[in-house]
Amino acid sequence: MREWRSWLRFLLAYTVSCALLIGMTWFVGGVERGALLLAWLNPLTKILIYSLVWPVIVTIRPGREPEETAPRTTAE
């Protein structure tokens, strides 16, 4: 589940980034003048999709649980 929480943080950051880019595009005067800003949506979307791979893999094929080890005792 830790992987999915991390991905949800990526999704939140992606949403904020997209909102800021769209806001800046509106601020500079529309799509014609802000097309270079909107070009950043492509790599941001790729990063979001690539970061989805690991949580899906871990969900489909989870690894082994870590073995419990006995606490170490100190020799006197």
Protein backbone atom coordinates (compact mmCIF):
# COMPACT_ATOMS: atom_id res chain seq x y z
CA MET A 1 0.00 0.00 0.00
CA ARG A 2 2.96 2.31 0.52
CA GLU A 3 3.54 2.33 -3.23
CA TRP A 4 -0.02 3.46 -3.93
CA ARG A 5 0.22 6.25 -1.37
CA SER A 6 3.38 7.43 -3.10
CA TRP A 7 1.65 7.32 -6.48
CA LEU A 8 -1.29 9.30 -5.12
CA ARG A 9 1.19 11.97 -4.04
CA PHE A 10 2.54 11.98 -7.61
CA LEU A 11 -1.04 12.37 -8.85
CA LEU A 12 -1.61 15.31 -6.50
CA ALA A 13 1.61 16.98 -7.67
CA TYR A 14 0.61 16.35 -11.29
CA THR A 15 -2.80 17.94 -10.71
CA VAL A 16 -1.28 21.01 -9.09
CA SER A 17 1.29 21.31 -11.89
CA CYS A 18 -1.37 21.05 -14.59
CA ALA A 19 -3.52 23.64 -12.86
CA LEU A 20 -0.56 26.02 -12.62
CA LEU A 21 0.38 25.50 -16.27
CA ILE A 22 -3.19 26.08 -17.43
CA GLY A 23 -3.41 29.16 -15.21
CA MET A 24 -0.18 30.55 -16.61
CA THR A 25 -1.42 29.86 -20.15
CA TRP A 26 -4.57 31.83 -19.42
CA PHE A 27 -2.46 34.59 -17.83
CA VAL A 28 -0.27 35.08 -20.92
CA GLY A 29 -3.26 35.40 -23.20
CA GLY A 30 -4.54 32.05 -24.35
CA VAL A 31 -3.46 28.91 -26.09
CA GLU A 32 -1.77 30.68 -29.00
CA ARG A 33 0.69 32.51 -26.77
CA GLY A 34 0.94 29.82 -24.10
CA ALA A 35 1.50 26.79 -26.31
CA LEU A 36 5.07 26.42 -25.06
CA LEU A 37 3.77 26.21 -21.50
CA LEU A 38 1.25 23.53 -22.44
CA ALA A 39 4.05 21.53 -24.07
CA TRP A 40 5.17 20.68 -20.53
CA LEU A 41 2.03 18.59 -20.03
CA ASN A 42 3.47 15.83 -22.24
CA PRO A 43 6.54 15.01 -20.08
CA LEU A 44 4.53 15.47 -16.88
CA THR A 45 1.98 12.93 -18.10
CA LYS A 46 4.72 10.49 -19.08
CA ILE A 47 6.27 10.72 -15.61
CA LEU A 48 2.88 10.07 -14.00
CA ILE A 49 2.27 7.02 -16.18
CA TYR A 50 5.80 5.65 -15.67
CA SER A 51 5.45 6.06 -11.92
CA LEU A 52 2.28 3.94 -12.08
CA VAL A 53 4.23 0.87 -13.23
CA TRP A 54 5.76 -0.02 -9.86
CA PRO A 55 2.56 0.05 -7.75
CA VAL A 56 0.79 -2.09 -10.35
CA ILE A 57 3.64 -4.63 -10.39
CA VAL A 58 3.76 -4.82 -6.60
CA THR A 59 -0.01 -5.25 -6.45
CA ILE A 60 -0.04 -8.04 -9.03
CA ARG A 61 3.02 -9.84 -7.73
CA PRO A 62 3.88 -8.94 -4.14
CA GLY A 63 7.26 -9.92 -2.76
CA ARG A 64 7.93 -12.05 0.26
CA GLU A 65 7.22 -10.69 3.68
CA PRO A 66 10.38 -9.82 5.64
CA GLU A 67 11.36 -12.47 8.13
CA GLU A 68 11.12 -11.66 11.81
CA THR A 69 14.50 -11.77 13.49
CA ALA A 70 15.08 -12.32 17.16
CA PRO A 71 16.40 -9.30 19.03
CA ARG A 72 20.16 -9.40 19.59
CA THR A 73 21.46 -9.88 23.05
CA THR A 74 24.67 -8.29 24.15
CA ALA A 75 27.34 -10.49 25.68
CA GLU A 76 28.85 -9.24 28.87
